[in-house]
């Protein structure tokens, strides 16, 4: 009994000492003293990252604004940009506008002559006529109506502007005048979507004062080819065989809105519908002798020789030549400038 009381007392004492130790430890923890330096400043990593670039940039020397302004070249002017563009393109601006140097010199000469005549009239007391707006506007370039564009497609036609004419048309008329061809301008012909001439001319006489009887209306290219052919081949051939010149050429057709062979078994529009063809029925010499286009007798050597020469030489100026022996052409020659995809001519 005494031993059990003693063990019980020891157990109680141990428990009391353990509780006392816990109380003292907790008390010491609650009364711990902060010994850190209160004057030191705590700096975080993010604050260092924010302040570092500013410190670095402050050490970098800044360039002098006045020195940069002196070294940097000034921006180019609009004149310099235009000059650089023309040089890099390699094409003068007149080429884009449709002018040529020869055309410019002719225009300058014509204007100078006109001014001289005007000055003479003013000296004589005649009133100053002023500027002719039509003649002045004719010096301007213009896109040729119906010109072929990219991909072989026909470019859209522009409305005809009074007084304005494409460069090619002006050059053609200039050549006709140089050759001594007499012609008159005709108002534009428009007859549906398949017939018409944008800038037609009416032929009256050819070089050498050879009359065109009756006058015939065609486009300028056809008129020029016809005049060159007569001047270079037909008239010389007549002089060689008959020792005389030509007085007139009988025409049988120019512009006509119709189909090939007057629509007989054909749906194709004739070149006459574009003023691109001309028909010849005969020739009259200065002696009054008339030579018609028909099959000649066995002993008509000079007439047959002339007509054979005329027919053959026409193939050098026209893309199509038809005559006696070809259907519907027993009494006339047909000449036209039809453009074929093959680029070949058709002479029959």
Protein backbone atom coordinates (compact mmCIF):
# COMPACT_ATOMS: atom_id res chain seq x y z
CA UNK A 1 0.00 0.00 0.00
CA UNK A 2 2.79 2.45 0.85
CA UNK A 3 4.52 1.68 -2.47
CA UNK A 4 1.44 2.46 -4.54
CA UNK A 5 0.95 5.75 -2.66
CA UNK A 6 4.55 6.65 -3.40
CA UNK A 7 4.19 5.94 -7.16
CA UNK A 8 1.06 7.99 -7.33
CA UNK A 9 2.79 10.95 -5.69
CA UNK A 10 5.71 10.73 -8.13
CA UNK A 11 3.33 10.74 -11.11
CA UNK A 12 1.52 13.82 -9.89
CA UNK A 13 4.84 15.63 -9.31
CA UNK A 14 6.01 14.83 -12.88
CA UNK A 15 2.78 16.12 -14.35
CA UNK A 16 3.05 19.34 -12.32
CA UNK A 17 6.63 19.96 -13.51
CA UNK A 18 5.65 19.41 -17.17
CA UNK A 19 2.80 21.90 -16.92
CA UNK A 20 5.07 24.45 -15.29
CA UNK A 21 7.66 24.07 -18.08
CA UNK A 22 5.07 24.75 -20.76
CA UNK A 23 3.90 27.87 -18.98
CA UNK A 24 7.43 29.26 -18.65
CA UNK A 25 8.20 28.56 -22.39
CA UNK A 26 5.09 30.30 -23.56
CA UNK A 27 5.80 33.23 -21.32
CA UNK A 28 9.36 33.56 -22.68
CA UNK A 29 8.06 33.43 -26.29
CA UNK A 30 5.58 36.19 -25.71
CA UNK A 31 8.20 38.40 -24.11
CA UNK A 32 10.90 37.96 -26.90
CA UNK A 33 12.82 41.17 -27.79
CA UNK A 34 13.22 42.46 -31.38
CA UNK A 35 16.97 43.22 -31.78
CA UNK A 36 16.96 44.21 -35.53
CA UNK A 37 18.32 47.61 -36.71
CA UNK A 38 15.40 50.02 -36.98
CA UNK A 39 17.34 52.49 -39.24
CA UNK A 40 18.09 50.05 -42.11
CA UNK A 41 15.68 50.33 -45.11
CA UNK A 42 14.27 47.17 -46.68
CA UNK A 43 14.51 47.21 -50.53
CA UNK A 44 12.64 44.63 -52.59
CA UNK A 45 13.83 43.12 -55.92
CA UNK A 46 11.01 44.76 -57.91
CA UNK A 47 12.03 48.21 -56.62
CA UNK A 48 15.62 47.58 -57.69
CA UNK A 49 14.44 46.62 -61.22
CA UNK A 50 12.43 49.85 -61.48
CA UNK A 51 15.22 52.11 -60.39
CA UNK A 52 18.08 50.45 -62.34
CA UNK A 53 17.11 51.59 -65.92
CA UNK A 54 16.69 55.15 -64.74
CA UNK A 55 20.17 55.08 -63.23
CA UNK A 56 21.65 53.62 -66.43
CA UNK A 57 19.92 56.08 -68.73
CA UNK A 58 21.09 58.95 -66.60
CA UNK A 59 24.69 57.87 -67.17
CA UNK A 60 24.29 57.66 -71.01
CA UNK A 61 25.22 60.95 -72.76
CA UNK A 62 22.35 62.41 -74.77
CA UNK A 63 23.07 63.58 -78.39
CA UNK A 64 23.06 67.25 -79.17
CA UNK A 65 19.82 68.19 -80.97
CA UNK A 66 21.52 70.98 -82.93
CA UNK A 67 24.24 68.59 -84.15
CA UNK A 68 21.62 66.05 -85.40
CA UNK A 69 19.73 68.77 -87.22
CA UNK A 70 22.93 69.82 -88.98
CA UNK A 71 23.90 66.26 -90.05
CA UNK A 72 20.46 65.04 -91.25
CA UNK A 73 19.74 65.94 -94.93
CA UNK A 74 16.58 67.96 -95.66
CA UNK A 75 13.58 66.12 -97.16
CA UNK A 76 13.49 66.10 -101.00
CA UNK A 77 11.34 68.66 -102.80
CA UNK A 78 8.50 67.68 -105.15
CA UNK A 79 10.64 68.74 -108.15
CA UNK A 80 13.42 66.37 -107.06
CA UNK A 81 10.95 63.49 -106.66
CA UNK A 82 9.54 64.07 -110.16
CA UNK A 83 13.05 64.22 -111.65
CA UNK A 84 14.05 60.98 -109.93
CA UNK A 85 10.89 59.25 -111.14
CA UNK A 86 11.43 60.27 -114.78
CA UNK A 87 15.08 59.16 -114.66
CA UNK A 88 14.26 55.74 -113.20
CA UNK A 89 11.43 55.15 -115.66
CA UNK A 90 13.64 56.04 -118.63
CA UNK A 91 10.67 57.32 -120.67
CA UNK A 92 10.06 61.03 -121.32
CA UNK A 93 6.74 62.41 -120.24
CA UNK A 94 5.83 63.35 -123.84
CA UNK A 95 5.71 59.65 -124.72
CA UNK A 96 2.94 59.11 -122.17
CA UNK A 97 0.99 62.04 -123.57
CA UNK A 98 1.28 60.84 -127.16
CA UNK A 99 3.57 63.59 -128.48
CA UNK A 100 6.61 63.07 -130.68
CA UNK A 101 9.51 65.42 -131.31
CA UNK A 102 8.71 65.64 -135.05
CA UNK A 103 5.08 66.43 -134.28
CA UNK A 104 6.10 69.09 -131.76
CA UNK A 105 8.41 70.81 -134.27
CA UNK A 106 5.64 70.82 -136.88
CA UNK A 107 3.19 72.29 -134.38
CA UNK A 108 5.68 74.98 -133.35
CA UNK A 109 6.32 75.89 -137.00
CA UNK A 110 2.58 76.04 -137.75
CA UNK A 111 1.89 78.21 -134.71
CA UNK A 112 4.76 80.57 -135.62
CA UNK A 113 3.43 80.90 -139.19
CA UNK A 114 -0.08 81.57 -137.89
CA UNK A 115 1.21 84.25 -135.53
CA UNK A 116 3.14 85.87 -138.38
CA UNK A 117 0.01 86.00 -140.55
CA UNK A 118 -1.96 87.43 -137.65
CA UNK A 119 0.65 90.13 -137.14
CA UNK A 120 0.49 91.07 -140.85
CA UNK A 121 -3.30 91.37 -140.72
CA UNK A 122 -3.06 93.59 -137.65
CA UNK A 123 -0.58 95.84 -139.43
CA UNK A 124 -2.98 96.10 -142.39
CA UNK A 125 -5.76 97.15 -140.01
CA UNK A 126 -7.66 93.84 -139.97
CA UNK A 127 -9.17 92.88 -136.60
CA UNK A 128 -7.42 90.25 -134.50
CA UNK A 129 -9.36 86.97 -134.89
CA UNK A 130 -8.14 85.74 -131.51
CA UNK A 131 -7.46 82.12 -130.61
CA UNK A 132 -9.23 79.40 -132.53
CA UNK A 133 -10.32 76.93 -129.82
CA UNK A 134 -10.76 74.10 -132.34
CA UNK A 135 -7.27 74.42 -133.80
CA UNK A 136 -5.76 74.82 -130.35
CA UNK A 137 -7.59 71.77 -128.99
CA UNK A 138 -6.50 69.66 -131.99
CA UNK A 139 -2.92 69.86 -130.73
CA UNK A 140 -3.84 67.86 -127.64
CA UNK A 141 -3.36 64.07 -127.55
CA UNK A 142 -6.31 61.73 -127.36
CA UNK A 143 -6.68 57.99 -126.92
CA UNK A 144 -7.42 56.35 -130.24
CA UNK A 145 -11.00 54.97 -130.14
CA UNK A 146 -11.25 51.23 -130.66
CA UNK A 147 -7.57 50.58 -129.93
CA UNK A 148 -6.73 47.03 -128.94
CA UNK A 149 -5.97 46.62 -125.24
CA UNK A 150 -4.48 43.84 -123.15
CA UNK A 151 -5.40 40.28 -123.95
CA UNK A 152 -6.53 41.16 -127.47
CA UNK A 153 -9.73 42.70 -126.14
CA UNK A 154 -10.98 45.86 -127.76
CA UNK A 155 -10.61 48.86 -125.50
CA UNK A 156 -13.81 50.80 -124.74
CA UNK A 157 -14.44 53.67 -127.12
CA UNK A 158 -14.41 57.16 -125.75
CA UNK A 159 -16.97 59.73 -126.69
CA UNK A 160 -15.86 61.93 -129.58
CA UNK A 161 -14.83 65.34 -128.28
CA UNK A 162 -15.17 68.19 -130.79
CA UNK A 163 -11.78 69.52 -131.81
CA UNK A 164 -9.82 66.62 -130.33
CA UNK A 165 -8.22 64.01 -132.58
CA UNK A 166 -5.89 61.08 -131.81
CA UNK A 167 -2.24 61.46 -132.68
CA UNK A 168 -2.39 58.71 -135.34
CA UNK A 169 -5.26 60.48 -137.10
CA UNK A 170 -3.42 63.79 -137.09
CA UNK A 171 -0.26 62.16 -138.44
CA UNK A 172 -2.26 60.47 -141.21
CA UNK A 173 -3.80 63.77 -142.31
CA UNK A 174 -0.41 65.46 -142.16
CA UNK A 175 0.97 62.85 -144.57
CA UNK A 176 -1.99 63.30 -146.93
CA UNK A 177 -1.35 67.04 -146.99
CA UNK A 178 2.35 66.49 -147.60
CA UNK A 179 1.58 64.27 -150.59
CA UNK A 180 -0.80 66.83 -152.09
CA UNK A 181 -4.01 64.85 -151.53
CA UNK A 182 -7.21 66.89 -151.53
CA UNK A 183 -9.78 65.75 -148.98
CA UNK A 184 -12.40 67.11 -146.62
CA UNK A 185 -13.25 66.17 -143.06
CA UNK A 186 -16.54 64.38 -142.51
CA UNK A 187 -18.63 64.18 -139.36
CA UNK A 188 -18.33 60.94 -137.43
CA UNK A 189 -20.46 58.14 -138.89
CA UNK A 190 -22.29 55.88 -136.45
CA UNK A 191 -24.80 53.33 -137.65
CA UNK A 192 -25.44 50.69 -135.02
CA UNK A 193 -22.76 48.67 -133.27
CA UNK A 194 -21.15 47.25 -136.42
CA UNK A 195 -21.01 50.18 -138.82
CA UNK A 196 -19.34 53.57 -138.66
CA UNK A 197 -16.15 55.60 -138.95
CA UNK A 198 -14.86 57.61 -136.02
CA UNK A 199 -12.83 60.11 -138.07
CA UNK A 200 -13.80 59.80 -141.78
CA UNK A 201 -12.40 61.74 -144.73
CA UNK A 202 -13.79 62.29 -148.22
CA UNK A 203 -11.22 61.83 -150.99
CA UNK A 204 -11.43 64.37 -153.82
CA UNK A 205 -8.11 64.16 -155.66
CA UNK A 206 -4.79 62.31 -155.45
CA UNK A 207 -1.14 63.32 -156.02
CA UNK A 208 -0.62 64.61 -159.56
CA UNK A 209 -4.08 66.21 -159.55
CA UNK A 210 -5.74 62.85 -160.31
CA UNK A 211 -9.45 63.22 -159.62
CA UNK A 212 -11.40 60.71 -157.53
CA UNK A 213 -14.75 60.41 -159.28
CA UNK A 214 -17.07 60.25 -157.55
CA UNK A 215 -15.63 61.39 -154.23
CA UNK A 216 -15.46 58.51 -151.78
CA UNK A 217 -15.68 58.47 -147.97
CA UNK A 218 -13.27 56.16 -146.12
CA UNK A 219 -11.13 56.19 -143.00
CA UNK A 220 -7.80 58.01 -143.16
CA UNK A 221 -5.63 54.86 -143.25
CA UNK A 222 -7.45 53.60 -146.34
CA UNK A 223 -7.20 57.01 -147.99
CA UNK A 224 -3.45 57.14 -147.32
CA UNK A 225 -2.81 53.60 -148.65
CA UNK A 226 -4.88 54.38 -151.76
CA UNK A 227 -2.99 57.65 -152.43
CA UNK A 228 0.41 55.98 -151.99
CA UNK A 229 -0.56 53.12 -154.28
CA UNK A 230 -1.74 55.44 -157.08
CA UNK A 231 1.28 57.73 -156.79
CA UNK A 232 3.94 55.00 -156.64
CA UNK A 233 2.52 52.30 -158.95
CA UNK A 234 -0.69 53.04 -160.85
CA UNK A 235 0.29 56.39 -162.38
CA UNK A 236 3.80 55.20 -163.43
CA UNK A 237 2.32 52.03 -164.95
CA UNK A 238 -0.06 54.12 -167.05
CA UNK A 239 2.71 56.41 -168.26
CA UNK A 240 4.90 53.47 -169.26
CA UNK A 241 2.17 51.82 -171.34
CA UNK A 242 0.33 54.86 -172.76
CA UNK A 243 2.94 57.61 -172.53
CA UNK A 244 0.48 59.82 -170.68
CA UNK A 245 -0.77 60.36 -167.17
CA UNK A 246 -3.96 59.57 -165.31
CA UNK A 247 -6.77 62.08 -165.32
CA UNK A 248 -9.17 60.36 -162.93
CA UNK A 249 -10.02 57.13 -161.13
CA UNK A 250 -13.62 55.89 -161.15
CA UNK A 251 -14.65 54.62 -157.72
CA UNK A 252 -17.56 52.27 -157.10
CA UNK A 253 -17.79 52.39 -153.34
CA UNK A 254 -16.26 53.45 -150.05
CA UNK A 255 -18.11 53.42 -146.76
CA UNK A 256 -21.25 51.27 -146.85
CA UNK A 257 -23.02 49.59 -143.93
CA UNK A 258 -23.50 46.12 -145.42
CA UNK A 259 -22.35 42.52 -145.27
CA UNK A 260 -19.79 40.79 -147.48
CA UNK A 261 -21.00 40.47 -151.09
CA UNK A 262 -23.99 42.66 -150.18
CA UNK A 263 -25.22 40.05 -147.71
CA UNK A 264 -25.47 37.16 -150.17
CA UNK A 265 -24.90 33.94 -148.22
CA UNK A 266 -22.81 35.72 -145.61
CA UNK A 267 -23.26 37.02 -142.09
CA UNK A 268 -19.82 38.68 -141.99
CA UNK A 269 -19.78 42.45 -142.09
CA UNK A 270 -17.89 43.94 -145.03
CA UNK A 271 -14.80 46.06 -144.50
CA UNK A 272 -16.82 48.78 -146.24
CA UNK A 273 -18.91 49.02 -143.06
CA UNK A 274 -15.86 50.49 -141.28
CA UNK A 275 -14.64 52.65 -144.17
CA UNK A 276 -11.74 50.24 -144.44
CA UNK A 277 -12.22 49.42 -148.14
CA UNK A 278 -12.49 51.11 -151.53
CA UNK A 279 -13.72 49.77 -154.91
CA UNK A 280 -12.29 50.90 -158.26
CA UNK A 281 -14.24 50.52 -161.51
CA UNK A 282 -11.83 52.05 -164.03
CA UNK A 283 -9.26 54.67 -165.03
CA UNK A 284 -9.34 57.64 -167.39
CA UNK A 285 -6.13 58.82 -169.06
CA UNK A 286 -5.25 62.43 -169.89
CA UNK A 287 -6.01 61.62 -173.53
CA UNK A 288 -9.59 60.79 -172.57
CA UNK A 289 -9.20 57.05 -173.02
CA UNK A 290 -11.15 55.02 -170.47
CA UNK A 291 -10.04 51.64 -169.17
CA UNK A 292 -12.69 49.73 -167.30
CA UNK A 293 -12.17 46.74 -165.00
CA UNK A 294 -13.33 43.75 -166.97
CA UNK A 295 -11.90 40.78 -168.80
CA UNK A 296 -10.14 41.95 -171.94
CA UNK A 297 -9.96 40.45 -175.38
CA UNK A 298 -7.08 38.43 -176.73
CA UNK A 299 -5.32 41.36 -178.39
CA UNK A 300 -5.84 44.03 -175.68
CA UNK A 301 -2.21 43.74 -174.64
CA UNK A 302 -1.71 47.19 -173.12
CA UNK A 303 -4.98 47.17 -171.17
CA UNK A 304 -4.40 43.66 -169.87
CA UNK A 305 -0.82 44.59 -168.92
CA UNK A 306 -1.98 47.70 -167.04
CA UNK A 307 -4.75 45.90 -165.14
CA UNK A 308 -2.45 43.01 -164.26
CA UNK A 309 0.15 45.45 -162.92
CA UNK A 310 -2.49 47.39 -160.98
CA UNK A 311 -3.87 44.24 -159.41
CA UNK A 312 -0.46 42.88 -158.41
CA UNK A 313 0.89 46.15 -156.99
CA UNK A 314 -2.26 46.62 -154.89
CA UNK A 315 -1.19 43.65 -152.75
CA UNK A 316 1.79 45.69 -151.55
CA UNK A 317 -0.49 48.33 -149.99
CA UNK A 318 -3.68 46.46 -149.06
CA UNK A 319 -4.38 43.24 -147.16
CA UNK A 320 -7.14 42.16 -149.55
CA UNK A 321 -7.32 42.58 -153.34
CA UNK A 322 -10.22 41.09 -155.31
CA UNK A 323 -11.19 41.50 -158.96
CA UNK A 324 -12.55 39.78 -162.08
CA UNK A 325 -12.56 36.05 -161.54
CA UNK A 326 -13.70 36.37 -157.92
CA UNK A 327 -17.47 36.07 -157.31
CA UNK A 328 -19.37 39.37 -157.42
CA UNK A 329 -16.24 41.29 -158.54
CA UNK A 330 -16.36 40.97 -162.32
CA UNK A 331 -16.50 44.73 -162.97
CA UNK A 332 -14.32 46.25 -160.24
CA UNK A 333 -11.29 45.88 -158.00
CA UNK A 334 -11.82 45.67 -154.25
CA UNK A 335 -9.06 46.87 -151.90
CA UNK A 336 -9.21 46.77 -148.10
CA UNK A 337 -7.02 46.84 -144.99
CA UNK A 338 -8.58 43.96 -143.08
CA UNK A 339 -6.39 42.77 -140.19
CA UNK A 340 -6.10 38.98 -140.03
CA UNK A 341 -4.79 37.02 -137.07
CA UNK A 342 -2.34 35.25 -139.42
CA UNK A 343 -1.00 38.59 -140.65
CA UNK A 344 -1.28 37.41 -144.28
CA UNK A 345 -2.73 39.19 -147.28
CA UNK A 346 -5.36 37.78 -149.63
CA UNK A 347 -4.98 38.61 -153.32
CA UNK A 348 -7.27 36.95 -155.87
